[in-house]
Protein backbone atom coordinates (compact mmCIF):
# COMPACT_ATOMS: atom_id res chain seq x y z
CA MET A 1 54.35 62.60 62.71
CA PHE A 2 55.62 60.70 59.99
CA LEU A 3 57.13 58.01 62.63
CA ARG A 4 55.26 56.19 66.06
CA GLN A 5 57.27 54.97 68.51
CA SER A 6 56.81 51.68 69.02
CA SER A 7 58.47 49.75 72.15
CA ARG A 8 57.31 46.28 71.59
CA PHE A 9 59.81 45.70 69.18
CA LEU A 10 62.46 47.12 71.19
CA SER A 11 64.09 43.86 72.68
CA LEU A 12 63.86 42.44 69.42
CA THR A 13 67.43 43.09 67.51
CA PRO A 14 69.95 41.25 67.12
CA ARG A 15 72.37 43.82 68.29
CA ARG A 16 72.04 45.15 71.38
CA TYR A 17 74.39 47.70 73.70
CA HIS A 18 73.78 47.58 77.63
CA ILE A 19 75.73 50.92 78.39
CA PRO A 20 76.05 52.24 81.63
CA SER A 21 74.78 56.03 82.33
CA LEU A 22 77.46 58.14 80.11
CA LYS A 23 76.89 61.98 79.54
CA HIS A 24 76.55 63.31 76.44
CA CYS A 25 79.24 65.59 75.45
CA SER A 26 80.54 68.17 72.99
CA SER A 27 78.14 69.84 70.39
CA ILE A 28 77.73 69.97 66.27
CA THR A 29 77.99 74.01 66.18
CA SER A 30 77.38 74.80 62.94
CA THR A 31 74.05 76.42 61.28
CA ILE A 32 73.26 75.44 58.18
CA SER A 33 69.60 75.97 56.95
CA SER A 34 69.01 75.97 52.91
CA GLN A 35 68.50 72.95 51.26
CA ASN A 36 68.04 71.59 47.90
CA GLY A 37 66.27 73.63 45.78
CA PHE A 38 63.32 74.78 48.14
CA PRO A 39 62.55 78.23 49.07
CA HIS A 40 63.61 78.77 52.77
CA THR A 41 64.11 81.47 55.27
CA PRO A 42 67.38 80.06 57.95
CA THR A 43 66.43 80.15 61.09
CA PRO A 44 68.67 80.70 64.75
CA SER A 45 70.17 77.32 65.42
CA PRO A 46 68.75 75.51 68.39
CA PRO A 47 71.05 75.37 71.23
CA PRO A 48 73.56 72.61 70.80
CA PHE A 49 73.49 69.76 72.91
CA SER A 50 76.15 69.69 75.21
CA THR A 51 77.13 69.23 78.94
CA SER A 52 80.31 70.38 78.46
CA PRO A 53 81.94 73.23 80.12
CA THR A 54 81.28 76.78 78.02
CA SER A 55 85.15 76.92 78.18
CA GLU A 56 86.13 74.18 75.60
CA LEU A 57 87.61 75.00 72.66
CA PRO A 58 85.16 75.68 69.16
CA PRO A 59 85.08 72.24 66.91
CA LEU A 60 87.42 74.16 64.10
CA SER A 61 90.33 74.43 66.91
CA ILE A 62 90.94 70.81 65.53
CA MET A 63 91.63 71.79 62.22
CA PRO A 64 95.50 72.85 61.36
CA LEU A 65 96.70 76.58 60.45
CA PRO A 66 97.43 76.29 56.93
CA LEU A 67 94.34 74.17 56.21
CA LEU A 68 92.13 76.31 58.41
CA LEU A 69 93.72 80.02 56.17
CA LYS A 70 93.32 77.77 52.94
CA SER A 71 89.47 76.78 53.98
CA TYR A 72 88.45 80.66 54.90
CA LEU A 73 89.68 81.72 51.51
CA ILE A 74 88.37 79.56 49.65
CA THR A 75 85.56 79.37 51.49
CA SER A 76 85.23 83.56 51.58
CA ILE A 77 85.53 83.31 47.29
CA LEU A 78 82.57 80.58 46.61
CA ALA A 79 80.31 83.21 48.99
CA SER A 80 80.89 85.64 46.89
CA PRO A 81 77.75 85.98 44.18
CA LYS A 82 80.00 88.24 42.05
CA ILE A 83 82.78 85.66 41.98
CA ILE A 84 80.45 82.64 41.21
CA LYS A 85 78.95 84.16 38.23
CA PHE A 86 82.24 84.71 36.92
CA PHE A 87 83.95 81.25 38.05
CA LEU A 88 81.23 78.95 36.89
CA PRO A 89 81.09 79.48 33.14
CA LEU A 90 85.27 79.48 33.86
CA LEU A 91 85.35 76.31 35.26
CA ASN A 92 82.72 74.77 32.67
CA LYS A 93 85.12 75.63 30.18
CA LEU A 94 88.39 74.21 31.56
CA ALA A 95 86.16 71.56 32.68
CA ASN A 96 85.65 70.49 28.89
CA SER A 97 87.83 72.24 26.56
CA SER A 98 89.54 70.28 24.25
CA SER A 99 92.44 73.28 23.86
CA THR A 100 95.86 72.74 25.10
CA ILE A 101 96.08 76.00 26.47
CA LEU A 102 92.75 75.40 28.14
CA ASN A 103 93.05 71.76 29.36
CA PRO A 104 94.41 71.56 32.68
CA ASP A 105 96.13 68.43 32.12
CA ARG A 106 97.43 69.45 29.04
CA ASN A 107 99.00 72.88 30.06
CA PRO A 108 101.19 72.89 32.99
CA VAL A 109 101.21 76.32 34.22
CA LEU A 110 97.37 76.27 34.17
CA HIS A 111 97.84 72.49 35.76
CA MET A 112 99.73 74.16 38.80
CA ILE A 113 97.06 77.31 39.20
CA VAL A 114 93.66 75.23 39.01
CA ARG A 115 95.65 72.66 41.66
CA LYS A 116 96.46 75.24 44.20
CA PHE A 117 93.24 77.43 44.03
CA ILE A 118 90.56 74.53 43.53
CA TYR A 119 91.63 70.84 43.11
CA GLU A 120 93.92 70.60 46.64
CA HIS A 121 91.03 71.98 48.24
CA PHE A 122 88.13 69.54 47.09
CA ILE A 123 90.16 66.47 45.57
CA ALA A 124 92.26 63.81 46.87
CA GLY A 125 94.71 63.80 44.41
CA GLU A 126 95.69 62.36 40.94
CA ASN A 127 97.78 59.41 41.56
CA ALA A 128 97.86 56.56 44.50
CA THR A 129 100.53 58.34 46.33
CA GLN A 130 98.72 61.67 46.85
CA VAL A 131 95.57 59.74 47.45
CA SER A 132 97.21 57.65 50.25
CA ALA A 133 98.65 61.09 51.77
CA ARG A 134 95.38 62.53 51.91
CA VAL A 135 93.84 59.77 53.20
CA LYS A 136 96.19 59.36 55.86
CA GLU A 137 95.78 62.74 56.82
CA MET A 138 92.61 63.07 57.29
CA LYS A 139 92.49 59.80 59.02
CA GLY A 140 95.18 61.54 61.45
CA LEU A 141 93.00 64.33 62.68
CA GLY A 142 90.56 61.36 63.21
CA PHE A 143 87.99 60.45 60.89
CA SER A 144 86.66 56.52 61.03
CA GLY A 145 87.43 56.29 57.73
CA VAL A 146 86.97 58.08 53.71
CA ILE A 147 84.16 57.37 51.22
CA LEU A 148 86.46 57.35 47.63
CA GLY A 149 84.87 57.64 44.25
CA TYR A 150 87.01 57.70 40.78
CA ALA A 151 85.88 61.31 39.45
CA ARG A 152 85.02 59.68 35.66
CA GLU A 153 81.77 59.70 34.86
CA VAL A 154 78.79 59.79 32.39
CA ASN A 155 77.16 62.90 32.44
CA VAL A 156 73.49 62.04 32.42
CA SER A 157 71.74 65.04 33.11
CA GLY A 158 68.81 66.56 31.10
CA GLY A 159 68.62 65.61 27.73
CA GLU A 160 70.67 62.57 27.67
CA VAL A 161 68.72 60.52 30.30
CA GLY A 162 66.50 57.93 27.65
CA GLY A 163 69.15 59.16 24.90
CA ASP A 164 69.61 56.96 21.59
CA VAL A 165 72.64 54.80 21.67
CA SER A 166 71.32 52.35 19.43
CA GLY A 167 74.65 53.59 17.31
CA VAL A 168 77.19 51.98 20.24
CA SER A 169 78.25 48.94 19.03
CA LYS A 170 78.57 46.48 21.69
CA GLU A 171 83.12 46.50 21.56
CA VAL A 172 82.61 50.11 22.19
CA GLY A 173 80.05 49.60 25.67
CA GLU A 174 82.36 47.12 26.85
CA ARG A 175 85.22 49.06 26.48
CA ALA A 176 83.67 51.67 28.45
CA ILE A 177 82.75 49.55 31.33
CA ARG A 178 86.05 47.48 31.63
CA GLU A 179 87.55 51.25 32.05
CA TRP A 180 84.78 52.01 34.67
CA ARG A 181 85.79 48.92 36.26
CA ASP A 182 89.82 49.26 35.88
CA GLY A 183 89.19 52.67 37.66
CA LEU A 184 87.16 51.59 40.96
CA MET A 185 89.72 48.63 41.17
CA SER A 186 92.15 51.06 41.25
CA THR A 187 90.41 52.93 44.00
CA LEU A 188 89.55 50.14 45.89
CA SER A 189 92.87 49.18 46.16
CA LEU A 190 93.68 52.73 47.90
CA LEU A 191 90.85 52.05 50.69
CA GLN A 192 91.81 50.43 54.14
CA PRO A 193 89.74 48.59 56.40
CA GLY A 194 85.84 50.27 56.87
CA ASP A 195 86.50 52.69 54.18
CA PHE A 196 84.05 52.67 51.40
CA LEU A 197 84.46 52.76 47.65
CA SER A 198 81.63 55.15 45.50
CA LEU A 199 80.67 54.45 42.65
CA LYS A 200 77.35 55.20 40.16
CA PHE A 201 76.18 52.97 37.82
CA SER A 202 76.20 55.63 34.70
CA GLY A 203 79.55 55.84 34.89
CA ALA A 204 80.41 52.36 33.18
CA GLY A 205 78.82 53.75 29.99
CA PRO A 206 76.09 54.01 27.11
CA LEU A 207 75.36 49.89 27.60
CA VAL A 208 74.52 50.54 31.02
CA LEU A 209 72.86 53.37 30.73
CA HIS A 210 70.48 51.95 27.98
CA ALA A 211 69.84 49.15 30.47
CA LEU A 212 69.05 51.24 32.93
CA GLN A 213 67.12 53.25 30.79
CA ASN A 214 64.83 50.29 29.73
CA SER A 215 64.82 48.30 33.03
CA LEU A 216 66.70 45.72 31.10
CA PRO A 217 69.05 43.07 33.57
CA PRO A 218 72.68 44.74 33.45
CA PRO A 219 74.77 43.42 31.06
CA PRO A 220 76.64 40.62 31.64
CA LEU A 221 80.27 42.54 31.66
CA LEU A 222 78.61 45.05 33.95
CA LEU A 223 77.21 42.17 36.89
CA GLN A 224 81.01 40.20 36.36
CA SER A 225 82.62 43.82 37.43
CA MET A 226 80.03 44.54 40.15
CA HIS A 227 80.96 40.39 41.68
CA LEU A 228 84.58 41.43 41.17
CA LEU A 229 84.25 44.47 43.16
CA LEU A 230 82.30 43.19 45.88
CA ARG A 231 84.60 40.57 46.61
CA THR A 232 87.55 42.46 46.28
CA ALA A 233 86.13 45.24 48.87
CA ALA A 234 85.01 41.91 51.28
CA SER A 235 88.71 40.66 51.36
CA GLN A 236 89.61 44.21 52.18
CA SER A 237 87.00 44.92 54.94
CA ALA A 238 85.91 47.68 52.88
CA ARG A 239 82.27 48.59 51.40
CA ILE A 240 80.50 49.90 48.95
CA TRP A 241 77.72 52.04 48.62
CA LEU A 242 75.76 53.21 45.31
CA ASP A 243 74.88 56.45 44.44
CA ALA A 244 71.61 57.41 43.34
CA GLU A 245 70.66 58.81 40.05
CA GLN A 246 67.59 60.23 38.69
CA GLN A 247 64.08 58.52 38.94
CA ASP A 248 64.47 57.81 35.28
CA LEU A 249 67.15 55.43 36.15
CA GLN A 250 66.80 54.68 39.77
CA HIS A 251 64.26 52.13 39.93
CA THR A 252 66.03 49.69 37.58
CA ILE A 253 69.35 50.65 39.94
CA GLU A 254 67.50 49.47 42.79
CA SER A 255 66.36 46.15 41.30
CA TRP A 256 69.94 45.16 40.52
CA THR A 257 70.83 46.31 43.85
CA ILE A 258 68.42 44.42 45.97
CA ASP A 259 69.46 41.33 44.18
CA LEU A 260 73.67 42.08 44.60
CA MET A 261 72.17 42.61 48.53
CA ARG A 262 70.83 39.00 48.94
CA THR A 263 74.19 37.63 47.64
CA TYR A 264 76.41 39.96 48.97
CA ASN A 265 75.14 41.06 52.50
CA THR A 266 74.33 37.96 54.23
CA GLY A 267 76.80 38.27 57.04
CA SER A 268 76.70 40.30 60.38
CA GLN A 269 77.67 43.68 58.22
CA ALA A 270 76.46 45.31 55.41
CA LEU A 271 78.86 44.96 52.63
CA LEU A 272 77.03 47.13 50.05
CA TYR A 273 74.45 50.53 50.57
CA THR A 274 71.63 51.44 48.62
CA THR A 275 71.23 55.50 48.18
CA MET A 276 67.66 56.47 49.39
CA GLN A 277 66.59 60.30 48.83
CA ALA A 278 64.45 61.81 51.55
CA TYR A 279 63.44 64.55 48.93
CA LEU A 280 61.16 62.00 47.36
CA LYS A 281 57.77 61.28 48.00
CA SER A 282 58.02 57.74 47.68
CA THR A 283 61.17 56.80 49.85
CA PRO A 284 59.08 55.94 52.65
CA SER A 285 57.53 53.30 51.47
CA ASN A 286 60.29 52.19 49.38
CA ILE A 287 62.48 52.16 52.37
CA LEU A 288 59.81 50.00 54.29
CA ARG A 289 59.46 47.64 50.85
CA CYS A 290 63.33 47.02 51.28
CA LEU A 291 62.81 46.45 54.75
CA LYS A 292 60.50 43.41 54.73
CA LEU A 293 62.37 42.12 52.01
CA ALA A 294 65.57 41.79 54.11
CA GLN A 295 63.77 41.00 57.04
CA LYS A 296 61.53 37.96 54.85
CA GLU A 297 65.08 37.11 53.21
CA ASP A 298 67.64 37.59 56.07
CA TRP A 299 69.99 39.84 54.59
CA VAL A 300 70.97 43.34 55.90
CA LEU A 301 69.56 46.40 54.09
CA GLY A 302 72.61 48.84 54.18
CA ILE A 303 71.33 52.60 53.29
CA LYS A 304 72.99 55.68 52.34
CA LEU A 305 70.35 58.68 53.39
CA VAL A 306 70.61 61.90 51.65
CA ARG A 307 67.99 64.45 50.70
CA GLY A 308 68.39 64.51 46.59
CA ALA A 309 70.30 65.66 44.42
CA TYR A 310 68.58 66.01 41.27
CA ILE A 311 65.55 68.71 42.32
CA ALA A 312 66.37 70.69 38.63
CA THR A 313 65.79 67.55 36.62
CA GLU A 314 63.34 65.29 38.44
CA LYS A 315 59.53 65.66 38.29
CA ARG A 316 58.27 68.22 40.36
CA ASP A 317 55.48 65.90 41.26
CA LEU A 318 57.80 63.39 42.91
CA ILE A 319 59.04 66.05 45.44
CA TRP A 320 57.93 66.84 48.61
CA GLY A 321 56.27 70.35 48.27
CA SER A 322 58.48 72.30 50.80
CA ILE A 323 61.71 71.86 52.26
CA GLU A 324 60.03 71.30 55.93
CA GLU A 325 58.47 67.93 54.34
CA THR A 326 61.76 66.93 52.96
CA HIS A 327 63.51 67.56 56.58
CA GLU A 328 60.59 65.86 58.62
CA ALA A 329 60.77 62.69 55.98
CA TYR A 330 64.66 62.63 56.46
CA ASN A 331 64.86 63.01 60.44
CA GLY A 332 61.44 60.72 60.62
CA ILE A 333 63.25 57.79 58.38
CA ALA A 334 66.44 58.08 60.66
CA ALA A 335 64.60 57.89 63.84
CA GLY A 336 62.36 54.90 62.84
CA LEU A 337 65.31 53.13 61.54
CA LEU A 338 67.51 53.93 64.83
CA SER A 339 64.76 53.03 67.29
CA LEU A 340 63.63 50.25 65.54
CA SER A 341 59.81 51.51 65.56
CA TYR A 342 59.83 51.94 61.43
CA PRO A 343 56.19 52.45 60.22
CA GLY A 344 54.32 49.07 59.23
CA ILE A 345 57.29 46.64 60.37
CA ASP A 346 55.36 44.33 62.54
CA ILE A 347 57.40 41.13 63.81
CA GLU A 348 54.04 39.66 65.79
CA LYS A 349 52.69 39.44 62.35
CA ASN A 350 55.15 37.61 60.73
CA THR A 351 54.27 34.43 61.68
CA ALA A 352 56.33 32.61 58.59
CA MET A 353 59.52 34.15 59.64
CA ALA A 354 58.89 33.73 63.64
CA GLU A 355 58.66 30.11 63.56
CA LYS A 356 61.53 29.61 60.86
CA ALA A 357 63.85 31.51 63.10
CA GLU A 358 62.50 29.59 66.47
CA LYS A 359 63.49 26.18 64.21
CA MET A 360 66.84 27.56 63.43
CA GLY A 361 67.34 28.12 67.32
CA LYS A 362 67.11 32.07 66.89
CA GLU A 363 65.62 34.97 68.24
CA LYS A 364 63.49 36.66 66.40
CA THR A 365 64.73 39.61 64.64
CA TYR A 366 63.77 42.89 63.61
CA PRO A 367 64.67 43.60 60.03
CA ARG A 368 68.72 44.16 60.00
CA ALA A 369 69.56 47.29 59.16
CA GLU A 370 72.79 49.99 58.68
CA LEU A 371 72.12 53.44 58.36
CA PHE A 372 75.08 56.23 57.16
CA LEU A 373 73.82 60.06 56.54
CA ALA A 374 74.97 61.76 54.35
CA THR A 375 74.19 65.34 55.32
CA HIS A 376 75.28 68.67 55.99
CA ASN A 377 72.43 70.06 57.60
CA GLU A 378 72.73 70.29 61.74
CA GLU A 379 70.01 69.55 62.47
CA SER A 380 69.61 66.16 61.32
CA ILE A 381 73.00 65.20 62.44
CA LYS A 382 72.02 66.23 66.17
CA LYS A 383 68.61 64.47 66.16
CA ALA A 384 70.15 61.30 64.72
CA TYR A 385 72.93 61.36 67.15
CA THR A 386 70.88 62.31 70.07
CA LEU A 387 68.62 59.27 69.47
CA GLN A 388 71.74 56.80 68.93
CA SER A 389 73.41 57.77 72.09
CA SER A 390 70.31 57.79 74.32
CA ARG A 391 69.59 54.61 73.39
CA ILE A 392 73.05 52.99 73.95
CA THR A 393 73.08 54.79 76.94
CA SER A 394 69.87 52.97 78.35
CA GLY A 395 70.85 49.99 77.25
CA LYS A 396 68.10 50.45 74.48
CA PRO A 397 68.89 48.30 71.02
CA THR A 398 69.59 50.35 68.10
CA ILE A 399 71.32 50.15 64.42
CA GLU A 400 74.70 50.95 62.94
CA LEU A 401 75.04 54.82 62.45
CA ALA A 402 77.85 57.01 60.72
CA PHE A 403 77.82 60.33 59.13
CA GLY A 404 79.52 61.82 56.16
CA GLN A 405 80.62 65.22 54.64
CA LEU A 406 82.31 66.03 51.28
CA GLN A 407 85.81 67.03 51.26
CA GLY A 408 86.57 70.82 51.51
CA MET A 409 82.53 71.17 52.55
CA ALA A 410 80.88 71.74 56.06
CA ASP A 411 84.09 71.08 57.80
CA GLU A 412 82.66 72.45 61.31
CA ILE A 413 80.59 70.15 61.51
CA SER A 414 82.85 67.43 60.79
CA CYS A 415 85.12 68.65 63.15
CA SER A 416 82.08 68.50 65.67
CA LEU A 417 81.80 64.75 65.24
CA LEU A 418 85.61 64.60 65.78
CA GLN A 419 85.43 66.77 68.79
CA LEU A 420 82.87 64.16 70.09
CA ARG A 421 84.97 61.33 69.14
CA ARG A 422 87.80 62.49 71.13
CA LYS A 423 85.12 63.89 73.74
CA GLU A 424 83.78 60.36 74.57
CA SER A 425 87.22 58.59 74.78
CA GLN A 426 88.95 61.51 77.27
CA ASP A 427 85.47 60.92 79.47
CA SER A 428 85.84 57.04 79.08
CA ASN A 429 89.84 57.33 80.54
CA SER A 430 88.39 59.95 83.18
CA ALA A 431 86.16 57.76 84.71
CA SER A 432 88.41 54.71 84.62
CA LEU A 433 91.31 56.71 86.11
CA ALA A 434 88.81 57.91 88.94
CA SER A 435 87.63 54.80 89.68
CA LYS A 436 91.31 53.39 89.85
CA VAL A 437 90.74 50.95 87.19
CA LEU A 438 93.71 51.09 85.02
CA VAL A 439 92.78 48.56 82.59
CA LYS A 440 89.49 49.24 80.97
CA SER A 441 87.19 45.63 81.23
CA GLU A 442 86.16 44.68 77.72
CA GLU A 443 82.55 45.83 78.36
CA GLU A 444 84.00 49.48 79.15
CA SER A 445 85.87 49.37 76.02
CA ARG A 446 83.10 47.97 73.61
CA LEU A 447 80.99 50.78 74.80
CA THR A 448 83.49 53.64 74.85
CA GLN A 449 83.52 52.72 71.18
CA ALA A 450 79.27 51.98 70.48
CA LEU A 451 79.30 55.84 71.63
CA LYS A 452 81.82 57.13 69.41
CA PRO A 453 80.09 58.72 66.09
CA LYS A 454 81.59 57.61 62.85
CA ALA A 455 82.82 60.46 61.03
CA TYR A 456 83.81 59.84 57.30
CA LYS A 457 84.72 62.31 54.58
CA CYS A 458 83.73 61.79 51.20
CA MET A 459 86.49 62.24 48.50
CA VAL A 460 87.01 61.66 45.08
CA TRP A 461 90.34 61.18 42.86
CA GLY A 462 91.11 61.18 39.29
CA SER A 463 93.00 63.68 36.89
CA THR A 464 92.18 67.40 36.95
CA GLN A 465 89.88 67.60 34.11
CA GLN A 466 88.12 64.61 35.12
CA CYS A 467 87.89 66.01 38.50
CA LEU A 468 86.72 69.78 37.25
CA GLN A 469 83.57 67.83 35.53
CA PHE A 470 82.83 66.04 38.99
CA LEU A 471 83.10 69.40 40.78
CA LEU A 472 80.88 70.99 38.18
CA ARG A 473 77.90 68.89 38.37
CA ARG A 474 78.02 68.30 41.94
CA VAL A 475 77.80 72.38 41.83
CA LYS A 476 75.08 72.08 39.37
CA GLU A 477 73.20 69.47 41.08
CA ASN A 478 73.42 70.84 44.64
CA GLY A 479 73.54 74.58 43.26
CA ASP A 480 71.72 75.07 47.26
CA ALA A 481 75.20 74.13 48.64
CA LEU A 482 76.80 77.50 47.92
CA GLY A 483 73.86 79.42 49.80
CA ARG A 484 75.86 77.82 52.93
CA THR A 485 79.28 79.28 51.84
CA GLY A 486 78.72 82.36 54.41
CA TYR A 487 77.66 79.97 57.40
CA TRP A 488 81.57 78.59 56.80
CA VAL A 489 83.04 81.81 56.23
CA GLU A 490 81.57 82.98 59.56
CA GLY A 491 82.79 79.82 61.52
CA PHE A 492 86.22 80.30 59.99
CA LYS A 493 86.43 84.06 60.34
CA ARG A 494 85.56 83.33 64.53
CA GLU A 495 88.01 80.80 64.74
CA ILE A 496 90.88 82.58 63.19
CA TRP A 497 90.52 85.48 65.40
CA ARG A 498 90.07 83.27 68.45
CA ARG A 499 93.42 81.80 67.71
CA VAL A 500 94.40 85.46 66.72
CA ARG A 501 93.30 86.57 70.52
CA SER A 502 94.97 83.49 72.00
CA SER A 503 98.09 83.74 70.71
CA SER A 504 98.56 87.58 71.78
CA GLY A 505 97.11 86.88 75.05
CA MET A 506 99.95 83.94 75.52
CA LYS A 507 102.32 86.34 74.76
CA ARG A 508 101.11 89.04 77.25
CA LYS A 509 101.66 86.28 79.52
CA ARG A 510 105.16 85.17 78.65
CA THR A 511 106.14 88.81 78.58
CA LEU A 512 104.86 89.57 81.91
CA LYS A 513 105.83 86.06 83.25
CA SER A 514 109.66 87.15 82.09
CA ALA A 515 108.99 90.58 84.08
CA ASN A 516 108.11 89.36 87.04
CA GLY A 517 111.00 86.94 87.00
CA GLY A 518 113.49 89.47 86.36
CA MET A 519 112.20 91.82 89.26
CA ALA A 520 112.53 88.77 91.35
CA ARG A 521 116.42 88.12 90.36
CA LYS A 522 117.07 91.57 91.00
CA ARG A 523 115.98 91.15 94.30
CA VAL A 524 117.33 88.32 95.16
CA LEU A 525 120.31 89.78 94.02
C-alpha cells in the first residue's frame, strides 16, 4: 500500500473538528473510468455512499431545464467519434485563423454561431458583465465558489519547450508580462471572497519561458507582478493556484512557487496553491519534500492535486506504467494528507521544531496543508469525502478539502456535491427542530459547515478566439475526456426522461383530481 495509517499523529494538528454523530448522506453517482491516456476498460461503479432514501431525486435534478437540455445536446455531439473527427480540425482552423471570415472575433455571424454552440457552454464570458452573470448563476446553484482563469496563454507544447528566444528583445518580453499581469488583474477584479484565480507562468511570454527552461530566477517584472497579484488576492479574500506544466518547466515553477509560499502562506490559510500531478512517479516524494519544508519553516502547503494533462508530450519513463498505478498514487496521496499520516513525516523525530514550538507556547504541529482535488473521477471524490467526513464526525483532525470540475464537464459529479451540501444543511435543520432548538448553537453551525463538501467550478474567460485556442489545447491535453462523454450523455438522458415521466404523472394526477372534484360537486347538487 502506498500509505499507512499512523494514529500517533492524530492529535497533533492545528485544526481540529469535534463533531457529534451525523449520518452520511446523498451520493456521487456518475461513473467515470478512463483517465489520461492509459488503456483501461471501464468497470461498474461501486455502490454510492448513501444512507438517504432511494426516493431521493438524482443529482442532475438540481440543473435548470434549459441548462440540462443544452448540456445533453452538446455532450451528445461531442460523444460522436464521427463528429469529433470533423469538429477538431474545424476548431483548430477557427482558433488560429487570421482571416476576417474565419476569425470569430471579426466575423459577427460566425461569432454568434460559435458562442451559441460552443463558447457559452464551456466559457464564462467575454467581459465583466457576462462573467459576473455566469459566476452568479453558478453560486445560485450552490457552488462554494469558482476558479477563474484568463484564456490567453502561450502554447508551449511539443517542440516549443526549449525553443530559442534569443531573438526576443527585453522590451517585447516585458510587454508580454505586462499584458499577462493586466489580464490577471482584470480577472481578480471579477472574483469574490473564497474564489480562486488560476494562472500559468508560461502565459507571461518568452522572457518567462526562457527563465523556466533554463532554471533561472524569475524575471524581475514577473516577480513584481506576482507580488501585486498575491497582495490583491489577499485583500479580496481570494486565492491563487498555479497550474502545472510540462516537466521541462515544472521544476523551476515549483522552486518559484515555494519561494512565494514562504512569504504569502504564513497565515492560517494558504493564499497560494501549487499543482501536483499524480501520474508522475516523483510526485509522492515531491509532496513529502514540500511537507517537510512547510513543517520546518511553518507555512501552509496548498496543493491542487490532478492526475496530469501532458501524457502526450512527457517522457514516458517519468509516468506510472498503468492507470491503476496512477489511481493508487492519487487516492493514496489524498488519504495520507487527509488523515495526517503521510509516509515520511514524523513529528517525534523533529526535535528542533518541537523545542521551538514549545518555547513559543505552541502545540507541536503536523505540517499545515490544504488540499484541492481537481478531478472528474467519481471514485477519488467518494473516497476523499468519505474519509474526511468520517474523521470529522468522530472528532479526529483533518485538513481543508475542496473539489472542482471544469465548466461544461462532469455536471453529474458537480451536482452530486451540491446535493450533499444541501442535504447536510437539511439534516442539521431537521435535527435542531426535532430537539426543539430553534437557534442552532455555534458548535452545531460550525460542524454543519465542516461537513459540507466545498464544490467549485473551474471557468475561463476571454475573447471568442482566445477561448477557442484554450479549448483546443485542453482537448489535446485531455483527449481521454472525450471518452467520458458517453457516460455523461446517459446521465442527462436519464434525468430528462425522469422529468418527462414526472410531468406526465403530475398531469394525470391533476386530471384525476379535477374529475373527482367535478363528480363530488354533482353529488352535492
